[in-house]
Amino acid sequence: MAAAHIDPLYTATAIASGDGRNGEVRSSDGVIDEKLAAPKEMGGPGGLHTNPEQLFAAGYAACFHGALRLVAKQAGEQLGEDTEVTANVGIGKTESGGFGLTVAIQVKLPGLEQGKAEQLAANAHQVCPYSNATRGNIEVQVSAVTH
């Protein structure tokens, strides 16, 4: 299946330097300027620095939340300010010996009926650019809670 042509509305640029997972990452505009540290679970120092999986999780959660709010609006649902999207990104070895990611997205939609919350989460998963980019490449589980 060929990739769809996209005319970007915006292009983000980030530069990684130094020692890979223990290096640095910065955005071209300077808004992001972070030191990286591999987590202890992967043999690194952990501590006060971020890692690629945290950055991916933050981006995915924010993007999915935007998609969720869009599909809710299109469905005529009013969402309060207390909605949340949590993205859990795991990294581990694949069967071929490389590394791969897993993602679990949890959507929190207080006050909605469970079935409606699940439908909105499923619809957001079809719209979200991160979901579309990972579909078929990364195992992504999506769930919804209403409390």
N, C-alpha and C. Protein backbone atom coordinates (compact mmCIF):
# COMPACT_ATOMS: atom_id res chain seq x y z
N MET A 1 0.85 -1.17 0.00
CA MET A 1 0.00 0.00 0.00
C MET A 1 0.89 1.24 0.00
N ALA A 2 0.71 2.10 -0.95
CA ALA A 2 1.52 3.31 -1.07
C ALA A 2 1.09 4.34 -0.04
N ALA A 3 2.06 5.10 0.42
CA ALA A 3 1.77 6.15 1.38
C ALA A 3 0.98 7.26 0.70
N ALA A 4 0.05 7.84 1.42
CA ALA A 4 -0.75 8.94 0.89
C ALA A 4 0.11 10.20 0.80
N HIS A 5 -0.12 10.98 -0.24
CA HIS A 5 0.59 12.25 -0.37
C HIS A 5 0.00 13.25 0.62
N ILE A 6 0.86 13.96 1.31
CA ILE A 6 0.44 14.95 2.29
C ILE A 6 1.13 16.26 1.99
N ASP A 7 0.36 17.34 1.95
CA ASP A 7 0.92 18.68 1.85
C ASP A 7 0.99 19.23 3.27
N PRO A 8 2.17 19.25 3.90
CA PRO A 8 2.27 19.66 5.31
C PRO A 8 1.77 21.08 5.55
N LEU A 9 1.01 21.23 6.62
CA LEU A 9 0.60 22.55 7.10
C LEU A 9 1.69 23.13 7.98
N TYR A 10 2.48 22.24 8.59
CA TYR A 10 3.53 22.63 9.53
C TYR A 10 4.56 21.51 9.53
N THR A 11 5.81 21.86 9.67
CA THR A 11 6.87 20.87 9.80
C THR A 11 7.69 21.20 11.04
N ALA A 12 7.76 20.24 11.96
CA ALA A 12 8.59 20.39 13.15
C ALA A 12 9.96 19.81 12.85
N THR A 13 10.99 20.45 13.36
CA THR A 13 12.35 19.97 13.16
C THR A 13 13.03 19.83 14.51
N ALA A 14 13.61 18.65 14.74
CA ALA A 14 14.36 18.40 15.97
C ALA A 14 15.71 17.83 15.60
N ILE A 15 16.70 18.18 16.40
CA ILE A 15 18.07 17.75 16.16
C ILE A 15 18.56 16.98 17.38
N ALA A 16 19.07 15.77 17.16
CA ALA A 16 19.68 14.98 18.23
C ALA A 16 21.19 15.05 18.06
N SER A 17 21.90 15.20 19.17
CA SER A 17 23.36 15.25 19.12
C SER A 17 23.92 14.55 20.35
N GLY A 18 25.22 14.40 20.39
CA GLY A 18 25.86 13.77 21.54
C GLY A 18 25.86 12.26 21.46
N ASP A 19 25.60 11.62 22.58
CA ASP A 19 25.73 10.17 22.72
C ASP A 19 24.38 9.46 22.62
N GLY A 20 23.64 9.67 21.53
CA GLY A 20 22.38 8.96 21.33
C GLY A 20 21.41 9.14 22.47
N ARG A 21 21.02 8.04 23.12
CA ARG A 21 20.06 8.08 24.22
C ARG A 21 20.58 8.82 25.44
N ASN A 22 21.87 9.09 25.48
CA ASN A 22 22.45 9.87 26.58
C ASN A 22 23.01 11.19 26.05
N GLY A 23 22.42 11.67 24.96
CA GLY A 23 22.86 12.92 24.34
C GLY A 23 21.92 14.06 24.65
N GLU A 24 21.60 14.81 23.62
CA GLU A 24 20.70 15.95 23.75
C GLU A 24 19.78 16.01 22.55
N VAL A 25 18.65 16.67 22.73
CA VAL A 25 17.71 16.91 21.64
C VAL A 25 17.21 18.34 21.78
N ARG A 26 17.07 18.99 20.63
CA ARG A 26 16.56 20.35 20.64
C ARG A 26 15.71 20.58 19.39
N SER A 27 14.75 21.46 19.50
CA SER A 27 13.95 21.82 18.33
C SER A 27 14.65 22.97 17.62
N SER A 28 14.37 23.11 16.35
CA SER A 28 15.04 24.14 15.55
C SER A 28 14.74 25.55 16.05
N ASP A 29 13.59 25.72 16.73
CA ASP A 29 13.23 27.04 17.26
C ASP A 29 13.69 27.25 18.71
N GLY A 30 14.31 26.23 19.31
CA GLY A 30 14.83 26.35 20.67
C GLY A 30 13.82 26.11 21.78
N VAL A 31 12.56 25.86 21.44
CA VAL A 31 11.54 25.63 22.47
C VAL A 31 11.85 24.36 23.26
N ILE A 32 12.28 23.32 22.56
CA ILE A 32 12.72 22.10 23.24
C ILE A 32 14.24 22.11 23.24
N ASP A 33 14.82 21.94 24.40
CA ASP A 33 16.27 21.85 24.56
C ASP A 33 16.52 20.98 25.78
N GLU A 34 16.62 19.68 25.54
CA GLU A 34 16.65 18.72 26.64
C GLU A 34 17.85 17.79 26.57
N LYS A 35 18.36 17.45 27.73
CA LYS A 35 19.36 16.40 27.85
C LYS A 35 18.60 15.08 27.93
N LEU A 36 19.20 14.04 27.38
CA LEU A 36 18.59 12.71 27.39
C LEU A 36 19.38 11.77 28.29
N ALA A 37 18.67 10.83 28.88
CA ALA A 37 19.31 9.78 29.67
C ALA A 37 18.52 8.50 29.49
N ALA A 38 19.19 7.44 29.11
CA ALA A 38 18.52 6.15 29.00
C ALA A 38 17.97 5.77 30.37
N PRO A 39 16.76 5.20 30.43
CA PRO A 39 16.20 4.81 31.72
C PRO A 39 17.01 3.68 32.36
N LYS A 40 16.92 3.59 33.67
CA LYS A 40 17.64 2.53 34.40
C LYS A 40 17.26 1.15 33.90
N GLU A 41 15.99 0.98 33.50
CA GLU A 41 15.51 -0.31 33.02
C GLU A 41 16.24 -0.75 31.75
N MET A 42 16.86 0.20 31.07
CA MET A 42 17.60 -0.11 29.84
C MET A 42 19.10 0.02 30.05
N GLY A 43 19.53 0.02 31.32
CA GLY A 43 20.95 0.08 31.63
C GLY A 43 21.54 1.47 31.70
N GLY A 44 20.69 2.48 31.62
CA GLY A 44 21.17 3.86 31.67
C GLY A 44 21.12 4.44 33.06
N PRO A 45 21.48 5.72 33.19
CA PRO A 45 21.49 6.36 34.49
C PRO A 45 20.11 6.79 34.98
N GLY A 46 19.12 6.90 34.06
CA GLY A 46 17.81 7.41 34.48
C GLY A 46 17.95 8.81 35.02
N GLY A 47 17.19 9.12 36.03
CA GLY A 47 17.33 10.41 36.69
C GLY A 47 16.45 11.50 36.12
N LEU A 48 17.00 12.71 36.12
CA LEU A 48 16.21 13.90 35.82
C LEU A 48 16.11 14.25 34.35
N HIS A 49 16.59 13.42 33.46
CA HIS A 49 16.54 13.74 32.04
C HIS A 49 15.51 12.86 31.33
N THR A 50 15.02 13.35 30.23
CA THR A 50 13.99 12.64 29.48
C THR A 50 14.61 11.59 28.56
N ASN A 51 13.75 10.89 27.84
CA ASN A 51 14.21 9.88 26.88
C ASN A 51 13.27 9.89 25.68
N PRO A 52 13.66 9.26 24.59
CA PRO A 52 12.81 9.29 23.39
C PRO A 52 11.40 8.74 23.60
N GLU A 53 11.26 7.72 24.44
CA GLU A 53 9.93 7.15 24.66
C GLU A 53 9.02 8.14 25.39
N GLN A 54 9.56 8.89 26.35
CA GLN A 54 8.75 9.90 27.03
C GLN A 54 8.34 11.00 26.05
N LEU A 55 9.25 11.41 25.19
CA LEU A 55 8.93 12.45 24.21
C LEU A 55 7.86 11.95 23.24
N PHE A 56 7.97 10.70 22.79
CA PHE A 56 6.97 10.13 21.90
C PHE A 56 5.62 10.02 22.60
N ALA A 57 5.63 9.58 23.86
CA ALA A 57 4.40 9.45 24.63
C ALA A 57 3.72 10.82 24.80
N ALA A 58 4.50 11.85 25.08
CA ALA A 58 3.93 13.19 25.25
C ALA A 58 3.31 13.68 23.94
N GLY A 59 4.02 13.49 22.84
CA GLY A 59 3.49 13.92 21.55
C GLY A 59 2.23 13.15 21.18
N TYR A 60 2.24 11.84 21.38
CA TYR A 60 1.10 11.00 21.02
C TYR A 60 -0.11 11.38 21.88
N ALA A 61 0.09 11.57 23.20
CA ALA A 61 -1.01 11.92 24.09
C ALA A 61 -1.64 13.25 23.67
N ALA A 62 -0.82 14.25 23.40
CA ALA A 62 -1.33 15.56 23.01
C ALA A 62 -2.06 15.50 21.68
N CYS A 63 -1.49 14.80 20.72
CA CYS A 63 -2.10 14.68 19.40
C CYS A 63 -3.44 13.92 19.49
N PHE A 64 -3.45 12.82 20.23
CA PHE A 64 -4.67 12.03 20.38
C PHE A 64 -5.74 12.84 21.09
N HIS A 65 -5.34 13.64 22.08
CA HIS A 65 -6.31 14.47 22.79
C HIS A 65 -6.96 15.48 21.85
N GLY A 66 -6.14 16.07 20.96
CA GLY A 66 -6.69 16.99 19.97
C GLY A 66 -7.67 16.27 19.04
N ALA A 67 -7.32 15.07 18.59
CA ALA A 67 -8.21 14.29 17.73
C ALA A 67 -9.49 13.93 18.47
N LEU A 68 -9.38 13.60 19.75
CA LEU A 68 -10.54 13.25 20.56
C LEU A 68 -11.50 14.43 20.66
N ARG A 69 -10.96 15.60 20.92
CA ARG A 69 -11.80 16.79 21.04
C ARG A 69 -12.46 17.12 19.70
N LEU A 70 -11.74 16.90 18.60
CA LEU A 70 -12.30 17.14 17.27
C LEU A 70 -13.47 16.20 16.98
N VAL A 71 -13.28 14.89 17.21
CA VAL A 71 -14.36 13.95 16.90
C VAL A 71 -15.54 14.14 17.84
N ALA A 72 -15.28 14.56 19.08
CA ALA A 72 -16.38 14.83 20.02
C ALA A 72 -17.20 16.02 19.52
N LYS A 73 -16.53 17.06 19.08
CA LYS A 73 -17.21 18.24 18.56
C LYS A 73 -18.05 17.87 17.33
N GLN A 74 -17.46 17.08 16.44
CA GLN A 74 -18.18 16.64 15.24
C GLN A 74 -19.40 15.79 15.59
N ALA A 75 -19.35 15.08 16.72
CA ALA A 75 -20.46 14.24 17.16
C ALA A 75 -21.46 15.01 18.02
N GLY A 76 -21.19 16.29 18.24
CA GLY A 76 -22.10 17.11 19.04
C GLY A 76 -21.95 16.91 20.53
N GLU A 77 -20.82 16.34 20.96
CA GLU A 77 -20.57 16.11 22.38
C GLU A 77 -19.77 17.27 22.96
N GLN A 78 -20.20 17.77 24.09
CA GLN A 78 -19.47 18.81 24.80
C GLN A 78 -18.55 18.14 25.82
N LEU A 79 -17.25 18.29 25.65
CA LEU A 79 -16.30 17.73 26.60
C LEU A 79 -15.85 18.83 27.55
N GLY A 80 -15.74 18.48 28.83
CA GLY A 80 -15.26 19.43 29.81
C GLY A 80 -13.74 19.55 29.75
N GLU A 81 -13.21 20.41 30.58
CA GLU A 81 -11.76 20.62 30.65
C GLU A 81 -11.05 19.51 31.42
N ASP A 82 -11.81 18.58 32.01
CA ASP A 82 -11.22 17.52 32.82
C ASP A 82 -10.94 16.25 32.03
N THR A 83 -11.01 16.32 30.70
CA THR A 83 -10.66 15.15 29.89
C THR A 83 -9.15 14.98 29.87
N GLU A 84 -8.71 13.74 29.76
CA GLU A 84 -7.27 13.44 29.71
C GLU A 84 -7.01 12.29 28.75
N VAL A 85 -5.81 12.31 28.19
CA VAL A 85 -5.33 11.18 27.42
C VAL A 85 -3.96 10.81 27.97
N THR A 86 -3.80 9.57 28.36
CA THR A 86 -2.53 9.05 28.85
C THR A 86 -1.98 8.09 27.81
N ALA A 87 -0.73 8.31 27.41
CA ALA A 87 -0.07 7.40 26.47
C ALA A 87 1.07 6.71 27.20
N ASN A 88 1.03 5.39 27.21
CA ASN A 88 2.10 4.58 27.78
C ASN A 88 2.87 3.96 26.62
N VAL A 89 4.13 4.32 26.49
CA VAL A 89 4.96 3.81 25.40
C VAL A 89 6.00 2.86 25.99
N GLY A 90 5.97 1.62 25.53
CA GLY A 90 6.94 0.63 25.97
C GLY A 90 7.94 0.35 24.86
N ILE A 91 9.14 -0.03 25.25
CA ILE A 91 10.18 -0.41 24.29
C ILE A 91 10.73 -1.76 24.70
N GLY A 92 10.97 -2.60 23.74
CA GLY A 92 11.53 -3.92 24.04
C GLY A 92 12.06 -4.56 22.78
N LYS A 93 12.69 -5.70 22.97
CA LYS A 93 13.29 -6.43 21.83
C LYS A 93 12.20 -7.11 21.01
N THR A 94 12.41 -7.11 19.71
CA THR A 94 11.50 -7.81 18.80
C THR A 94 12.03 -9.22 18.57
N GLU A 95 11.21 -10.04 17.93
CA GLU A 95 11.61 -11.41 17.62
C GLU A 95 12.83 -11.46 16.71
N SER A 96 13.00 -10.43 15.88
CA SER A 96 14.13 -10.41 14.95
C SER A 96 15.41 -9.89 15.58
N GLY A 97 15.34 -9.50 16.86
CA GLY A 97 16.53 -9.04 17.56
C GLY A 97 16.69 -7.54 17.63
N GLY A 98 15.86 -6.80 16.91
CA GLY A 98 15.89 -5.34 16.99
C GLY A 98 15.04 -4.86 18.16
N PHE A 99 14.66 -3.62 18.12
CA PHE A 99 13.80 -3.06 19.17
C PHE A 99 12.51 -2.55 18.55
N GLY A 100 11.45 -2.60 19.31
CA GLY A 100 10.16 -2.11 18.86
C GLY A 100 9.41 -1.43 19.99
N LEU A 101 8.32 -0.80 19.65
CA LEU A 101 7.51 -0.05 20.62
C LEU A 101 6.13 -0.66 20.75
N THR A 102 5.52 -0.45 21.90
CA THR A 102 4.11 -0.73 22.12
C THR A 102 3.50 0.55 22.67
N VAL A 103 2.21 0.74 22.44
CA VAL A 103 1.53 1.92 22.94
C VAL A 103 0.19 1.51 23.52
N ALA A 104 -0.11 2.04 24.69
CA ALA A 104 -1.44 1.90 25.29
C ALA A 104 -1.96 3.30 25.56
N ILE A 105 -3.08 3.63 24.94
CA ILE A 105 -3.71 4.94 25.09
C ILE A 105 -4.92 4.76 25.99
N GLN A 106 -5.01 5.58 27.04
CA GLN A 106 -6.21 5.56 27.88
C GLN A 106 -6.84 6.96 27.83
N VAL A 107 -8.09 6.98 27.44
CA VAL A 107 -8.86 8.21 27.33
C VAL A 107 -9.75 8.32 28.56
N LYS A 108 -9.68 9.47 29.23
CA LYS A 108 -10.51 9.71 30.41
C LYS A 108 -11.56 10.75 30.04
N LEU A 109 -12.83 10.32 30.03
CA LEU A 109 -13.95 11.19 29.67
C LEU A 109 -15.00 11.17 30.77
N PRO A 110 -14.75 11.92 31.86
CA PRO A 110 -15.67 11.92 33.00
C PRO A 110 -17.09 12.35 32.61
N GLY A 111 -18.04 11.59 33.13
CA GLY A 111 -19.44 11.96 32.95
C GLY A 111 -20.10 11.41 31.70
N LEU A 112 -19.33 10.86 30.78
CA LEU A 112 -19.94 10.29 29.57
C LEU A 112 -20.34 8.84 29.81
N GLU A 113 -21.31 8.39 29.06
CA GLU A 113 -21.70 6.98 29.09
C GLU A 113 -20.55 6.17 28.51
N GLN A 114 -20.27 4.99 29.07
CA GLN A 114 -19.11 4.19 28.70
C GLN A 114 -19.06 3.89 27.20
N GLY A 115 -20.19 3.47 26.64
CA GLY A 115 -20.23 3.15 25.21
C GLY A 115 -19.89 4.36 24.34
N LYS A 116 -20.38 5.53 24.72
CA LYS A 116 -20.10 6.75 23.97
C LYS A 116 -18.62 7.11 24.09
N ALA A 117 -18.06 6.95 25.27
CA ALA A 117 -16.64 7.24 25.49
C ALA A 117 -15.78 6.31 24.63
N GLU A 118 -16.13 5.03 24.59
CA GLU A 118 -15.38 4.08 23.79
C GLU A 118 -15.47 4.40 22.30
N GLN A 119 -16.65 4.83 21.85
CA GLN A 119 -16.83 5.18 20.44
C GLN A 119 -16.01 6.42 20.08
N LEU A 120 -16.01 7.42 20.95
CA LEU A 120 -15.20 8.62 20.69
C LEU A 120 -13.71 8.28 20.64
N ALA A 121 -13.27 7.41 21.54
CA ALA A 121 -11.86 6.99 21.55
C ALA A 121 -11.52 6.26 20.26
N ALA A 122 -12.40 5.37 19.82
CA ALA A 122 -12.16 4.63 18.57
C ALA A 122 -12.13 5.58 17.38
N ASN A 123 -13.04 6.56 17.36
CA ASN A 123 -13.06 7.54 16.27
C ASN A 123 -11.80 8.39 16.27
N ALA A 124 -11.34 8.78 17.46
CA ALA A 124 -10.11 9.57 17.56
C ALA A 124 -8.92 8.78 17.04
N HIS A 125 -8.92 7.47 17.29
CA HIS A 125 -7.84 6.61 16.84
C HIS A 125 -7.78 6.55 15.31
N GLN A 126 -8.90 6.75 14.64
CA GLN A 126 -8.94 6.78 13.18
C GLN A 126 -8.48 8.12 12.62
N VAL A 127 -8.58 9.18 13.40
CA VAL A 127 -8.28 10.55 12.95
C VAL A 127 -6.86 10.99 13.33
N CYS A 128 -6.38 10.56 14.48
CA CYS A 128 -5.10 11.03 15.02
C CYS A 128 -3.93 10.72 14.08
N PRO A 129 -3.13 11.73 13.72
CA PRO A 129 -1.97 11.49 12.85
C PRO A 129 -0.97 10.49 13.42
N TYR A 130 -0.76 10.47 14.72
CA TYR A 130 0.15 9.50 15.32
C TYR A 130 -0.42 8.09 15.14
N SER A 131 -1.72 7.92 15.36
CA SER A 131 -2.34 6.61 15.17
C SER A 131 -2.22 6.17 13.72
N ASN A 132 -2.45 7.10 12.81
CA ASN A 132 -2.34 6.76 11.38
C ASN A 132 -0.91 6.40 11.01
N ALA A 133 0.06 7.08 11.60
CA ALA A 133 1.47 6.80 11.29
C ALA A 133 1.92 5.46 11.85
N THR A 134 1.38 5.06 12.98
CA THR A 134 1.82 3.83 13.63
C THR A 134 1.00 2.61 13.23
N ARG A 135 -0.17 2.82 12.66
CA ARG A 135 -1.08 1.71 12.33
C ARG A 135 -0.37 0.66 11.48
N GLY A 136 -0.40 -0.58 11.95
CA GLY A 136 0.23 -1.66 11.22
C GLY A 136 1.71 -1.82 11.54
N ASN A 137 2.27 -0.89 12.30
CA ASN A 137 3.70 -0.94 12.63
C ASN A 137 3.95 -1.13 14.12
N ILE A 138 3.07 -0.61 14.94
CA ILE A 138 3.20 -0.66 16.39
C ILE A 138 1.87 -1.14 16.96
N GLU A 139 1.94 -2.04 17.93
CA GLU A 139 0.72 -2.47 18.62
C GLU A 139 0.22 -1.30 19.46
N VAL A 140 -1.01 -0.83 19.17
CA VAL A 140 -1.61 0.27 19.91
C VAL A 140 -2.94 -0.20 20.48
N GLN A 141 -3.07 -0.12 21.79
CA GLN A 141 -4.33 -0.46 22.46
C GLN A 141 -4.96 0.84 22.92
N VAL A 142 -6.26 0.98 22.69
CA VAL A 142 -6.99 2.18 23.09
C VAL A 142 -8.11 1.77 24.03
N SER A 143 -8.22 2.46 25.16
CA SER A 143 -9.30 2.20 26.10
C SER A 143 -9.86 3.53 26.58
N ALA A 144 -11.06 3.46 27.15
CA ALA A 144 -11.72 4.66 27.67
C ALA A 144 -12.27 4.38 29.06
N VAL A 145 -12.16 5.37 29.93
CA VAL A 145 -12.77 5.33 31.25
C VAL A 145 -13.62 6.59 31.42
N THR A 146 -14.63 6.48 32.25
CA THR A 146 -15.56 7.60 32.42
C THR A 146 -15.59 8.13 33.85
N HIS A 147 -14.64 7.74 34.65
CA HIS A 147 -14.59 8.21 36.05
C HIS A 147 -13.21 8.72 36.38
